[in-house]
Amino acid sequence: MMRAMKSLCLLALAASVAVAAPAKSTKKYHFELTKVLVKPEVKADVGAVAQPRVEAQIKKAFESHPQLVATLEGAPDPGVDHGQPYRKFLTRKGIAGAYLVTVEITEATEEVVPMEDKKNSQRLVVHVGIHVLGETIPGRTMGFTGDGQATVKQEVGMKIRDKDRTYAWDGAAETAVNDALKTCFEQLAKPQKKQ
């Protein structure tokens, strides 16, 4: 019970840091996930654990974030007439922009660290880092980037249970996604330079 409380406190602290400052902009956007990639630098076995968790958390965020419109019912094809009907549709719906989003897992590690002050405990440390890239719909020009990362340290017994590992990975993925989206929305809130 005490281990769960300590882990929960660490996760809550990390999550509160990631979402502490409310977004300054109230603009709405539409994000469509293209794929979640794992960089070659990430060990394959760890990447295989991280990828579905990051993908699940990014999809969850796209569905629930207050600045995101999850679906665009009745939207015209963005490839028709240089995207003009699509852009007009976004304007009518009050959506500032639509983006194709690719997520790269740039870092993912898991390690077990002994705890010197406790004989029957150890610490599971999970770290996730991601890079988010948004390309405009229509046109596929550079829209924004964002980076996020999180480390979850969870006290566990001498045998690591599946639910301990799941809890740590899901917590790290969720916090990294929130951190990255925060930087994305900060970029989108800045005035666009005229070309």
N, C-alpha and C. Protein backbone atom coordinates (compact mmCIF):
# COMPACT_ATOMS: atom_id res chain seq x y z
N MET A 1 0.83 -1.19 0.00
CA MET A 1 0.00 0.00 0.00
C MET A 1 0.87 1.25 0.00
N MET A 2 1.94 1.24 0.81
CA MET A 2 2.81 2.40 0.90
C MET A 2 3.54 2.64 -0.42
N ARG A 3 3.93 1.53 -1.09
CA ARG A 3 4.60 1.67 -2.39
C ARG A 3 3.68 2.35 -3.39
N ALA A 4 2.44 1.94 -3.41
CA ALA A 4 1.49 2.52 -4.35
C ALA A 4 1.29 4.01 -4.07
N MET A 5 1.24 4.38 -2.80
CA MET A 5 1.06 5.79 -2.44
C MET A 5 2.26 6.61 -2.89
N LYS A 6 3.48 6.11 -2.68
CA LYS A 6 4.68 6.84 -3.10
C LYS A 6 4.70 7.00 -4.61
N SER A 7 4.35 5.93 -5.32
CA SER A 7 4.34 5.98 -6.78
C SER A 7 3.29 6.96 -7.27
N LEU A 8 2.12 6.91 -6.63
CA LEU A 8 1.05 7.80 -7.02
C LEU A 8 1.44 9.26 -6.79
N CYS A 9 2.13 9.53 -5.69
CA CYS A 9 2.58 10.89 -5.41
C CYS A 9 3.58 11.36 -6.46
N LEU A 10 4.53 10.51 -6.83
CA LEU A 10 5.50 10.87 -7.85
C LEU A 10 4.81 11.14 -9.19
N LEU A 11 3.87 10.29 -9.56
CA LEU A 11 3.17 10.46 -10.82
C LEU A 11 2.30 11.71 -10.79
N ALA A 12 1.61 11.95 -9.69
CA ALA A 12 0.77 13.14 -9.58
C ALA A 12 1.61 14.41 -9.66
N LEU A 13 2.76 14.40 -9.02
CA LEU A 13 3.65 15.56 -9.07
C LEU A 13 4.12 15.81 -10.50
N ALA A 14 4.51 14.77 -11.20
CA ALA A 14 4.97 14.91 -12.59
C ALA A 14 3.84 15.41 -13.48
N ALA A 15 2.65 14.88 -13.29
CA ALA A 15 1.51 15.29 -14.11
C ALA A 15 1.12 16.73 -13.82
N SER A 16 1.18 17.14 -12.55
CA SER A 16 0.80 18.51 -12.22
C SER A 16 1.78 19.51 -12.81
N VAL A 17 3.05 19.15 -12.86
CA VAL A 17 4.04 20.03 -13.47
C VAL A 17 3.75 20.18 -14.95
N ALA A 18 3.36 19.09 -15.61
CA ALA A 18 3.12 19.11 -17.05
C ALA A 18 1.90 19.94 -17.44
N VAL A 19 0.90 19.99 -16.56
CA VAL A 19 -0.33 20.70 -16.92
C VAL A 19 -0.65 21.84 -15.97
N ALA A 20 0.31 22.31 -15.20
CA ALA A 20 0.06 23.33 -14.20
C ALA A 20 -0.40 24.65 -14.81
N ALA A 21 0.23 25.08 -15.86
CA ALA A 21 -0.13 26.36 -16.45
C ALA A 21 -1.22 26.16 -17.50
N PRO A 22 -2.36 26.82 -17.33
CA PRO A 22 -3.41 26.68 -18.34
C PRO A 22 -2.97 27.32 -19.65
N ALA A 23 -3.49 26.78 -20.73
CA ALA A 23 -3.15 27.31 -22.05
C ALA A 23 -3.66 28.74 -22.17
N LYS A 24 -2.83 29.63 -22.73
CA LYS A 24 -3.21 31.03 -22.89
C LYS A 24 -4.21 31.19 -24.03
N SER A 25 -4.15 30.30 -24.98
CA SER A 25 -5.00 30.40 -26.15
C SER A 25 -6.23 29.51 -25.98
N THR A 26 -7.33 30.00 -26.48
CA THR A 26 -8.54 29.17 -26.46
C THR A 26 -8.87 28.68 -27.87
N LYS A 27 -7.93 28.85 -28.79
CA LYS A 27 -8.14 28.39 -30.16
C LYS A 27 -8.31 26.88 -30.18
N LYS A 28 -9.10 26.43 -31.13
CA LYS A 28 -9.34 25.00 -31.32
C LYS A 28 -8.56 24.51 -32.54
N TYR A 29 -8.12 23.26 -32.47
CA TYR A 29 -7.35 22.64 -33.54
C TYR A 29 -7.85 21.22 -33.76
N HIS A 30 -7.52 20.69 -34.91
CA HIS A 30 -7.80 19.28 -35.20
C HIS A 30 -6.47 18.59 -35.48
N PHE A 31 -6.18 17.53 -34.73
CA PHE A 31 -4.96 16.74 -34.92
C PHE A 31 -5.35 15.35 -35.38
N GLU A 32 -4.68 14.86 -36.42
CA GLU A 32 -4.86 13.48 -36.89
C GLU A 32 -3.53 12.77 -36.74
N LEU A 33 -3.52 11.68 -36.01
CA LEU A 33 -2.30 10.90 -35.80
C LEU A 33 -1.97 10.10 -37.05
N THR A 34 -0.75 10.28 -37.57
CA THR A 34 -0.33 9.48 -38.72
C THR A 34 0.34 8.19 -38.25
N LYS A 35 1.30 8.32 -37.31
CA LYS A 35 1.98 7.13 -36.79
C LYS A 35 2.81 7.49 -35.57
N VAL A 36 3.14 6.46 -34.82
CA VAL A 36 4.06 6.58 -33.69
C VAL A 36 5.26 5.72 -34.02
N LEU A 37 6.40 6.38 -34.22
CA LEU A 37 7.63 5.69 -34.60
C LEU A 37 8.56 5.55 -33.40
N VAL A 38 9.42 4.56 -33.46
CA VAL A 38 10.46 4.39 -32.44
C VAL A 38 11.80 4.64 -33.12
N LYS A 39 12.55 5.61 -32.59
CA LYS A 39 13.87 5.93 -33.15
C LYS A 39 14.79 4.71 -33.03
N PRO A 40 15.71 4.54 -33.99
CA PRO A 40 16.61 3.39 -33.96
C PRO A 40 17.51 3.36 -32.71
N GLU A 41 17.75 4.51 -32.10
CA GLU A 41 18.60 4.57 -30.91
C GLU A 41 17.96 3.88 -29.70
N VAL A 42 16.63 3.72 -29.72
CA VAL A 42 15.92 3.07 -28.62
C VAL A 42 16.04 1.56 -28.79
N LYS A 43 16.41 0.87 -27.72
CA LYS A 43 16.51 -0.59 -27.78
C LYS A 43 15.18 -1.18 -28.23
N ALA A 44 15.25 -2.17 -29.11
CA ALA A 44 14.05 -2.74 -29.73
C ALA A 44 13.05 -3.28 -28.71
N ASP A 45 13.53 -4.01 -27.70
CA ASP A 45 12.61 -4.60 -26.73
C ASP A 45 11.91 -3.53 -25.90
N VAL A 46 12.63 -2.47 -25.55
CA VAL A 46 12.04 -1.39 -24.77
C VAL A 46 11.10 -0.57 -25.66
N GLY A 47 11.49 -0.35 -26.91
CA GLY A 47 10.64 0.36 -27.85
C GLY A 47 9.32 -0.36 -28.08
N ALA A 48 9.37 -1.68 -28.09
CA ALA A 48 8.16 -2.48 -28.27
C ALA A 48 7.20 -2.32 -27.10
N VAL A 49 7.73 -2.05 -25.92
CA VAL A 49 6.90 -1.80 -24.74
C VAL A 49 6.36 -0.37 -24.77
N ALA A 50 7.20 0.57 -25.15
CA ALA A 50 6.84 1.99 -25.11
C ALA A 50 5.85 2.39 -26.21
N GLN A 51 6.02 1.86 -27.42
CA GLN A 51 5.24 2.32 -28.57
C GLN A 51 3.72 2.22 -28.37
N PRO A 52 3.17 1.07 -27.97
CA PRO A 52 1.71 1.02 -27.82
C PRO A 52 1.20 1.91 -26.68
N ARG A 53 2.02 2.11 -25.66
CA ARG A 53 1.59 2.95 -24.55
C ARG A 53 1.56 4.42 -24.95
N VAL A 54 2.59 4.86 -25.68
CA VAL A 54 2.62 6.25 -26.16
C VAL A 54 1.47 6.47 -27.15
N GLU A 55 1.26 5.52 -28.04
CA GLU A 55 0.17 5.65 -29.01
C GLU A 55 -1.18 5.74 -28.32
N ALA A 56 -1.41 4.92 -27.31
CA ALA A 56 -2.68 4.96 -26.57
C ALA A 56 -2.86 6.30 -25.88
N GLN A 57 -1.79 6.82 -25.28
CA GLN A 57 -1.89 8.09 -24.56
C GLN A 57 -2.09 9.27 -25.52
N ILE A 58 -1.46 9.23 -26.68
CA ILE A 58 -1.63 10.33 -27.64
C ILE A 58 -3.05 10.32 -28.20
N LYS A 59 -3.59 9.13 -28.48
CA LYS A 59 -4.97 9.04 -28.96
C LYS A 59 -5.95 9.53 -27.90
N LYS A 60 -5.69 9.16 -26.67
CA LYS A 60 -6.54 9.61 -25.55
C LYS A 60 -6.50 11.13 -25.44
N ALA A 61 -5.32 11.71 -25.56
CA ALA A 61 -5.18 13.17 -25.47
C ALA A 61 -5.89 13.85 -26.64
N PHE A 62 -5.79 13.29 -27.84
CA PHE A 62 -6.45 13.88 -29.00
C PHE A 62 -7.97 13.85 -28.85
N GLU A 63 -8.48 12.87 -28.14
CA GLU A 63 -9.93 12.76 -27.91
C GLU A 63 -10.42 13.66 -26.78
N SER A 64 -9.56 13.94 -25.80
CA SER A 64 -10.06 14.61 -24.59
C SER A 64 -9.51 16.01 -24.34
N HIS A 65 -8.48 16.44 -25.05
CA HIS A 65 -7.89 17.75 -24.78
C HIS A 65 -8.89 18.85 -25.13
N PRO A 66 -9.05 19.86 -24.25
CA PRO A 66 -10.07 20.89 -24.51
C PRO A 66 -9.80 21.76 -25.73
N GLN A 67 -8.57 21.80 -26.23
CA GLN A 67 -8.28 22.61 -27.42
C GLN A 67 -8.37 21.81 -28.72
N LEU A 68 -8.67 20.52 -28.61
CA LEU A 68 -8.69 19.68 -29.80
C LEU A 68 -10.10 19.24 -30.16
N VAL A 69 -10.40 19.30 -31.45
CA VAL A 69 -11.65 18.78 -31.99
C VAL A 69 -11.30 17.42 -32.60
N ALA A 70 -11.85 16.37 -32.02
CA ALA A 70 -11.45 15.02 -32.39
C ALA A 70 -11.85 14.63 -33.81
N THR A 71 -13.08 14.94 -34.20
CA THR A 71 -13.55 14.55 -35.52
C THR A 71 -14.12 15.75 -36.25
N LEU A 72 -13.98 15.74 -37.56
CA LEU A 72 -14.50 16.81 -38.41
C LEU A 72 -15.60 16.23 -39.29
N GLU A 73 -16.80 16.16 -38.75
CA GLU A 73 -17.94 15.60 -39.49
C GLU A 73 -18.27 16.48 -40.69
N GLY A 74 -18.36 15.88 -41.86
CA GLY A 74 -18.76 16.61 -43.05
C GLY A 74 -17.66 17.46 -43.67
N ALA A 75 -16.42 17.26 -43.27
CA ALA A 75 -15.32 18.05 -43.83
C ALA A 75 -15.07 17.67 -45.28
N PRO A 76 -14.86 18.66 -46.15
CA PRO A 76 -14.54 18.34 -47.55
C PRO A 76 -13.13 17.76 -47.67
N ASP A 77 -12.85 17.15 -48.77
CA ASP A 77 -11.53 16.58 -49.04
C ASP A 77 -10.50 17.71 -49.09
N PRO A 78 -9.45 17.65 -48.25
CA PRO A 78 -8.46 18.72 -48.25
C PRO A 78 -7.64 18.80 -49.53
N GLY A 79 -7.70 17.79 -50.38
CA GLY A 79 -6.94 17.79 -51.62
C GLY A 79 -7.66 18.43 -52.79
N VAL A 80 -8.90 18.86 -52.61
CA VAL A 80 -9.69 19.43 -53.69
C VAL A 80 -9.51 20.94 -53.73
N ASP A 81 -9.32 21.50 -54.92
CA ASP A 81 -9.20 22.96 -55.13
C ASP A 81 -8.18 23.61 -54.21
N HIS A 82 -7.01 22.99 -54.13
CA HIS A 82 -5.91 23.52 -53.31
C HIS A 82 -6.31 23.69 -51.84
N GLY A 83 -7.29 22.94 -51.39
CA GLY A 83 -7.70 22.97 -49.99
C GLY A 83 -8.59 24.12 -49.59
N GLN A 84 -9.04 24.95 -50.53
CA GLN A 84 -9.86 26.11 -50.18
C GLN A 84 -11.18 25.72 -49.50
N PRO A 85 -11.94 24.74 -50.03
CA PRO A 85 -13.18 24.35 -49.34
C PRO A 85 -12.90 23.83 -47.92
N TYR A 86 -11.80 23.11 -47.75
CA TYR A 86 -11.43 22.58 -46.44
C TYR A 86 -11.11 23.72 -45.48
N ARG A 87 -10.33 24.71 -45.95
CA ARG A 87 -9.98 25.85 -45.10
C ARG A 87 -11.23 26.64 -44.70
N LYS A 88 -12.15 26.82 -45.64
CA LYS A 88 -13.41 27.53 -45.33
C LYS A 88 -14.22 26.75 -44.31
N PHE A 89 -14.21 25.43 -44.45
CA PHE A 89 -14.92 24.57 -43.49
C PHE A 89 -14.35 24.78 -42.08
N LEU A 90 -13.01 24.77 -41.96
CA LEU A 90 -12.38 24.98 -40.65
C LEU A 90 -12.77 26.33 -40.07
N THR A 91 -12.76 27.36 -40.90
CA THR A 91 -13.13 28.70 -40.44
C THR A 91 -14.57 28.72 -39.94
N ARG A 92 -15.50 28.11 -40.70
CA ARG A 92 -16.91 28.06 -40.27
C ARG A 92 -17.07 27.35 -38.94
N LYS A 93 -16.27 26.32 -38.72
CA LYS A 93 -16.37 25.54 -37.48
C LYS A 93 -15.58 26.16 -36.32
N GLY A 94 -14.87 27.26 -36.59
CA GLY A 94 -14.09 27.92 -35.54
C GLY A 94 -12.82 27.18 -35.18
N ILE A 95 -12.26 26.47 -36.14
CA ILE A 95 -11.04 25.69 -35.91
C ILE A 95 -9.88 26.44 -36.55
N ALA A 96 -8.88 26.76 -35.74
CA ALA A 96 -7.75 27.57 -36.19
C ALA A 96 -6.84 26.84 -37.17
N GLY A 97 -6.80 25.52 -37.11
CA GLY A 97 -5.95 24.76 -38.01
C GLY A 97 -6.11 23.27 -37.81
N ALA A 98 -5.75 22.53 -38.85
CA ALA A 98 -5.78 21.06 -38.80
C ALA A 98 -4.38 20.56 -39.16
N TYR A 99 -3.96 19.48 -38.49
CA TYR A 99 -2.59 19.00 -38.64
C TYR A 99 -2.53 17.48 -38.65
N LEU A 100 -1.64 16.96 -39.50
CA LEU A 100 -1.25 15.56 -39.45
C LEU A 100 -0.10 15.48 -38.45
N VAL A 101 -0.20 14.58 -37.50
CA VAL A 101 0.77 14.53 -36.41
C VAL A 101 1.52 13.20 -36.41
N THR A 102 2.84 13.31 -36.40
CA THR A 102 3.71 12.14 -36.28
C THR A 102 4.43 12.24 -34.95
N VAL A 103 4.49 11.13 -34.24
CA VAL A 103 5.15 11.09 -32.93
C VAL A 103 6.33 10.13 -33.03
N GLU A 104 7.48 10.58 -32.54
CA GLU A 104 8.68 9.73 -32.49
C GLU A 104 9.04 9.50 -31.03
N ILE A 105 9.27 8.26 -30.68
CA ILE A 105 9.79 7.96 -29.34
C ILE A 105 11.30 8.08 -29.45
N THR A 106 11.84 9.12 -28.84
CA THR A 106 13.27 9.41 -28.94
C THR A 106 14.08 8.75 -27.83
N GLU A 107 13.42 8.49 -26.70
CA GLU A 107 14.07 7.85 -25.56
C GLU A 107 13.08 6.93 -24.88
N ALA A 108 13.54 5.79 -24.45
CA ALA A 108 12.72 4.89 -23.65
C ALA A 108 13.66 3.94 -22.91
N THR A 109 13.58 3.97 -21.61
CA THR A 109 14.42 3.09 -20.80
C THR A 109 13.63 2.56 -19.61
N GLU A 110 14.07 1.42 -19.15
CA GLU A 110 13.54 0.83 -17.93
C GLU A 110 14.71 0.24 -17.17
N GLU A 111 14.81 0.59 -15.90
CA GLU A 111 15.86 -0.02 -15.09
C GLU A 111 15.34 -0.27 -13.68
N VAL A 112 15.97 -1.21 -13.03
CA VAL A 112 15.65 -1.54 -11.65
C VAL A 112 16.86 -1.15 -10.81
N VAL A 113 16.61 -0.32 -9.81
CA VAL A 113 17.68 0.23 -8.98
C VAL A 113 17.48 -0.26 -7.55
N PRO A 114 18.53 -0.81 -6.93
CA PRO A 114 18.38 -1.24 -5.54
C PRO A 114 18.20 -0.03 -4.61
N MET A 115 17.46 -0.24 -3.54
CA MET A 115 17.27 0.82 -2.55
C MET A 115 18.13 0.47 -1.34
N GLU A 116 19.10 1.31 -1.07
CA GLU A 116 20.08 1.02 -0.02
C GLU A 116 19.46 0.97 1.37
N ASP A 117 18.44 1.78 1.61
CA ASP A 117 17.87 1.86 2.95
C ASP A 117 16.79 0.81 3.22
N LYS A 118 16.42 0.02 2.18
CA LYS A 118 15.38 -0.99 2.37
C LYS A 118 15.84 -2.29 1.73
N LYS A 119 15.84 -3.36 2.51
CA LYS A 119 16.34 -4.65 2.01
C LYS A 119 15.37 -5.34 1.07
N ASN A 120 14.08 -5.22 1.32
CA ASN A 120 13.09 -5.96 0.53
C ASN A 120 12.42 -5.11 -0.53
N SER A 121 13.07 -4.02 -0.93
CA SER A 121 12.49 -3.14 -1.93
C SER A 121 13.54 -2.75 -2.97
N GLN A 122 13.05 -2.37 -4.11
CA GLN A 122 13.88 -1.81 -5.17
C GLN A 122 13.03 -0.77 -5.90
N ARG A 123 13.66 -0.05 -6.78
CA ARG A 123 12.94 1.01 -7.49
C ARG A 123 12.95 0.71 -8.98
N LEU A 124 11.74 0.74 -9.57
CA LEU A 124 11.58 0.61 -11.00
C LEU A 124 11.57 2.02 -11.58
N VAL A 125 12.48 2.29 -12.51
CA VAL A 125 12.61 3.63 -13.11
C VAL A 125 12.33 3.51 -14.60
N VAL A 126 11.28 4.20 -15.05
CA VAL A 126 10.89 4.19 -16.45
C VAL A 126 10.99 5.62 -16.98
N HIS A 127 11.67 5.77 -18.12
CA HIS A 127 11.83 7.08 -18.74
C HIS A 127 11.34 7.02 -20.18
N VAL A 128 10.56 8.03 -20.58
CA VAL A 128 10.05 8.12 -21.95
C VAL A 128 10.28 9.55 -22.44
N GLY A 129 10.82 9.68 -23.66
CA GLY A 129 10.97 10.97 -24.32
C GLY A 129 10.36 10.88 -25.71
N ILE A 130 9.60 11.92 -26.10
CA ILE A 130 8.97 11.91 -27.41
C ILE A 130 9.18 13.24 -28.14
N HIS A 131 9.07 13.17 -29.45
CA HIS A 131 9.12 14.35 -30.32
C HIS A 131 7.86 14.31 -31.18
N VAL A 132 7.14 15.43 -31.23
CA VAL A 132 5.89 15.52 -31.98
C VAL A 132 6.10 16.51 -33.13
N LEU A 133 5.63 16.13 -34.31
CA LEU A 133 5.73 16.97 -35.50
C LEU A 133 4.35 17.09 -36.12
N GLY A 134 3.91 18.33 -36.34
CA GLY A 134 2.61 18.58 -36.97
C GLY A 134 2.78 19.23 -38.33
N GLU A 135 2.11 18.67 -39.33
CA GLU A 135 2.12 19.22 -40.69
C GLU A 135 0.71 19.68 -41.03
N THR A 136 0.60 20.83 -41.66
CA THR A 136 -0.70 21.40 -41.94
C THR A 136 -1.53 20.52 -42.88
N ILE A 137 -2.84 20.57 -42.64
CA ILE A 137 -3.82 19.98 -43.56
C ILE A 137 -4.65 21.17 -44.03
N PRO A 138 -4.70 21.44 -45.31
CA PRO A 138 -3.99 20.83 -46.43
C PRO A 138 -2.58 21.41 -46.56
N GLY A 139 -1.85 20.86 -47.49
CA GLY A 139 -0.55 21.42 -47.85
C GLY A 139 0.66 20.70 -47.31
N ARG A 140 0.52 20.08 -46.15
CA ARG A 140 1.62 19.36 -45.51
C ARG A 140 2.89 20.20 -45.38
N THR A 141 2.71 21.41 -44.90
CA THR A 141 3.86 22.24 -44.56
C THR A 141 4.07 22.17 -43.05
N MET A 142 5.26 22.53 -42.63
CA MET A 142 5.61 22.46 -41.21
C MET A 142 4.66 23.34 -40.39
N GLY A 143 4.04 22.73 -39.39
CA GLY A 143 3.10 23.46 -38.54
C GLY A 143 3.64 23.73 -37.16
N PHE A 144 4.18 22.71 -36.52
CA PHE A 144 4.70 22.85 -35.16
C PHE A 144 5.52 21.62 -34.81
N THR A 145 6.30 21.75 -33.74
CA THR A 145 6.98 20.61 -33.13
C THR A 145 6.84 20.74 -31.62
N GLY A 146 7.07 19.66 -30.95
CA GLY A 146 7.03 19.68 -29.49
C GLY A 146 7.78 18.48 -28.94
N ASP A 147 8.40 18.68 -27.81
CA ASP A 147 9.12 17.59 -27.15
C ASP A 147 8.58 17.43 -25.74
N GLY A 148 8.55 16.20 -25.31
CA GLY A 148 8.11 15.93 -23.94
C GLY A 148 8.85 14.72 -23.41
N GLN A 149 9.02 14.72 -22.11
CA GLN A 149 9.64 13.56 -21.49
C GLN A 149 9.18 13.44 -20.05
N ALA A 150 9.30 12.24 -19.54
CA ALA A 150 8.90 11.97 -18.16
C ALA A 150 9.66 10.77 -17.63
N THR A 151 9.90 10.81 -16.34
CA THR A 151 10.50 9.68 -15.63
C THR A 151 9.61 9.34 -14.45
N VAL A 152 9.25 8.09 -14.34
CA VAL A 152 8.47 7.62 -13.21
C VAL A 152 9.33 6.66 -12.41
N LYS A 153 9.45 6.94 -11.13
CA LYS A 153 10.20 6.09 -10.21
C LYS A 153 9.20 5.46 -9.25
N GLN A 154 9.17 4.15 -9.26
CA GLN A 154 8.18 3.45 -8.45
C GLN A 154 8.86 2.43 -7.55
N GLU A 155 8.59 2.52 -6.28
CA GLU A 155 9.12 1.54 -5.34
C GLU A 155 8.34 0.24 -5.50
N VAL A 156 9.08 -0.85 -5.66
CA VAL A 156 8.47 -2.16 -5.84
C VAL A 156 9.15 -3.15 -4.91
N GLY A 157 8.56 -4.33 -4.81
CA GLY A 157 9.18 -5.38 -4.01
C GLY A 157 10.34 -6.01 -4.77
N MET A 158 10.83 -7.10 -4.26
CA MET A 158 11.95 -7.78 -4.91
C MET A 158 11.52 -8.44 -6.22
N LYS A 159 10.24 -8.72 -6.35
CA LYS A 159 9.71 -9.24 -7.61
C LYS A 159 8.80 -8.16 -8.20
N ILE A 160 9.07 -7.79 -9.45
CA ILE A 160 8.28 -6.74 -10.10
C ILE A 160 7.04 -7.37 -10.72
N ARG A 161 5.89 -6.89 -10.27
CA ARG A 161 4.62 -7.40 -10.79
C ARG A 161 4.30 -6.72 -12.13
N ASP A 162 3.52 -7.40 -12.95
CA ASP A 162 3.12 -6.84 -14.25
C ASP A 162 2.39 -5.52 -14.06
N LYS A 163 1.55 -5.43 -13.03
CA LYS A 163 0.79 -4.20 -12.84
C LYS A 163 1.70 -3.04 -12.41
N ASP A 164 2.81 -3.34 -11.70
CA ASP A 164 3.78 -2.28 -11.37
C ASP A 164 4.41 -1.73 -12.64
N ARG A 165 4.81 -2.63 -13.51
CA ARG A 165 5.46 -2.24 -14.76
C ARG A 165 4.47 -1.46 -15.65
N THR A 166 3.24 -1.94 -15.77
CA THR A 166 2.21 -1.26 -16.56
C THR A 166 1.95 0.14 -16.02
N TYR A 167 1.82 0.25 -14.71
CA TYR A 167 1.55 1.54 -14.08
C TYR A 167 2.68 2.53 -14.36
N ALA A 168 3.91 2.10 -14.25
CA ALA A 168 5.05 2.98 -14.48
C ALA A 168 5.13 3.41 -15.95
N TRP A 169 4.98 2.48 -16.86
CA TRP A 169 5.06 2.81 -18.29
C TRP A 169 3.91 3.72 -18.72
N ASP A 170 2.70 3.41 -18.28
CA ASP A 170 1.56 4.24 -18.65
C ASP A 170 1.70 5.64 -18.08
N GLY A 171 2.17 5.75 -16.85
CA GLY A 171 2.35 7.06 -16.23
C GLY A 171 3.41 7.89 -16.94
N ALA A 172 4.51 7.26 -17.30
CA ALA A 172 5.57 7.98 -18.01
C ALA A 172 5.10 8.41 -19.39
N ALA A 173 4.39 7.53 -20.10
CA ALA A 173 3.89 7.86 -21.43
C ALA A 173 2.89 9.01 -21.37
N GLU A 174 1.97 8.95 -20.42
CA GLU A 174 0.95 10.01 -20.29
C GLU A 174 1.59 11.36 -19.99
N THR A 175 2.53 11.39 -19.08
CA THR A 175 3.17 12.65 -18.71
C THR A 175 4.02 13.20 -19.84
N ALA A 176 4.72 12.33 -20.56
CA ALA A 176 5.52 12.78 -21.71
C ALA A 176 4.63 13.36 -22.80
N VAL A 177 3.50 12.74 -23.07
CA VAL A 177 2.55 13.24 -24.07
C VAL A 177 2.01 14.61 -23.64
N ASN A 178 1.61 14.75 -22.38
CA ASN A 178 1.10 16.02 -21.89
C ASN A 178 2.16 17.12 -22.00
N ASP A 179 3.39 16.77 -21.68
CA ASP A 179 4.50 17.71 -21.75
C ASP A 179 4.72 18.16 -23.20
N ALA A 180 4.70 17.23 -24.14
CA ALA A 180 4.90 17.56 -25.55
C ALA A 180 3.75 18.41 -26.09
N LEU A 181 2.52 18.06 -25.74
CA LEU A 181 1.38 18.83 -26.23
C LEU A 181 1.40 20.25 -25.68
N LYS A 182 1.86 20.40 -24.47
CA LYS A 182 1.97 21.75 -23.89
C LYS A 182 2.88 22.62 -24.76
N THR A 183 4.02 22.09 -25.17
CA THR A 183 4.93 22.87 -26.01
C THR A 183 4.35 23.09 -27.40
N CYS A 184 3.59 22.13 -27.92
CA CYS A 184 2.94 22.31 -29.22
C CYS A 184 1.95 23.46 -29.18
N PHE A 185 1.10 23.49 -28.16
CA PHE A 185 0.09 24.54 -28.05
C PHE A 185 0.73 25.90 -27.79
N GLU A 186 1.85 25.92 -27.09
CA GLU A 186 2.57 27.19 -26.90
C GLU A 186 3.05 27.73 -28.25
N GLN A 187 3.56 26.85 -29.10
CA GLN A 187 3.99 27.28 -30.44
C GLN A 187 2.81 27.76 -31.28
N LEU A 188 1.72 27.04 -31.23
CA LEU A 188 0.55 27.41 -32.02
C LEU A 188 -0.06 28.73 -31.55
N ALA A 189 0.11 29.07 -30.29
CA ALA A 189 -0.45 30.31 -29.74
C ALA A 189 0.33 31.55 -30.17
N LYS A 190 1.57 31.35 -30.60
CA LYS A 190 2.37 32.50 -31.03
C LYS A 190 1.83 33.04 -32.35
N PRO A 191 1.89 34.37 -32.52
CA PRO A 191 1.44 34.94 -33.80
C PRO A 191 2.27 34.41 -34.96
N GLN A 192 1.60 34.08 -36.04
CA GLN A 192 2.29 33.57 -37.23
C GLN A 192 2.93 34.72 -37.99
N LYS A 193 4.14 34.51 -38.47
CA LYS A 193 4.85 35.52 -39.26
C LYS A 193 4.26 35.56 -40.67
N LYS A 194 4.07 36.76 -41.16
CA LYS A 194 3.57 36.95 -42.53
C LYS A 194 4.70 36.68 -43.51
N GLN A 195 4.38 36.01 -44.59
CA GLN A 195 5.41 35.71 -45.59
C GLN A 195 5.23 36.56 -46.83
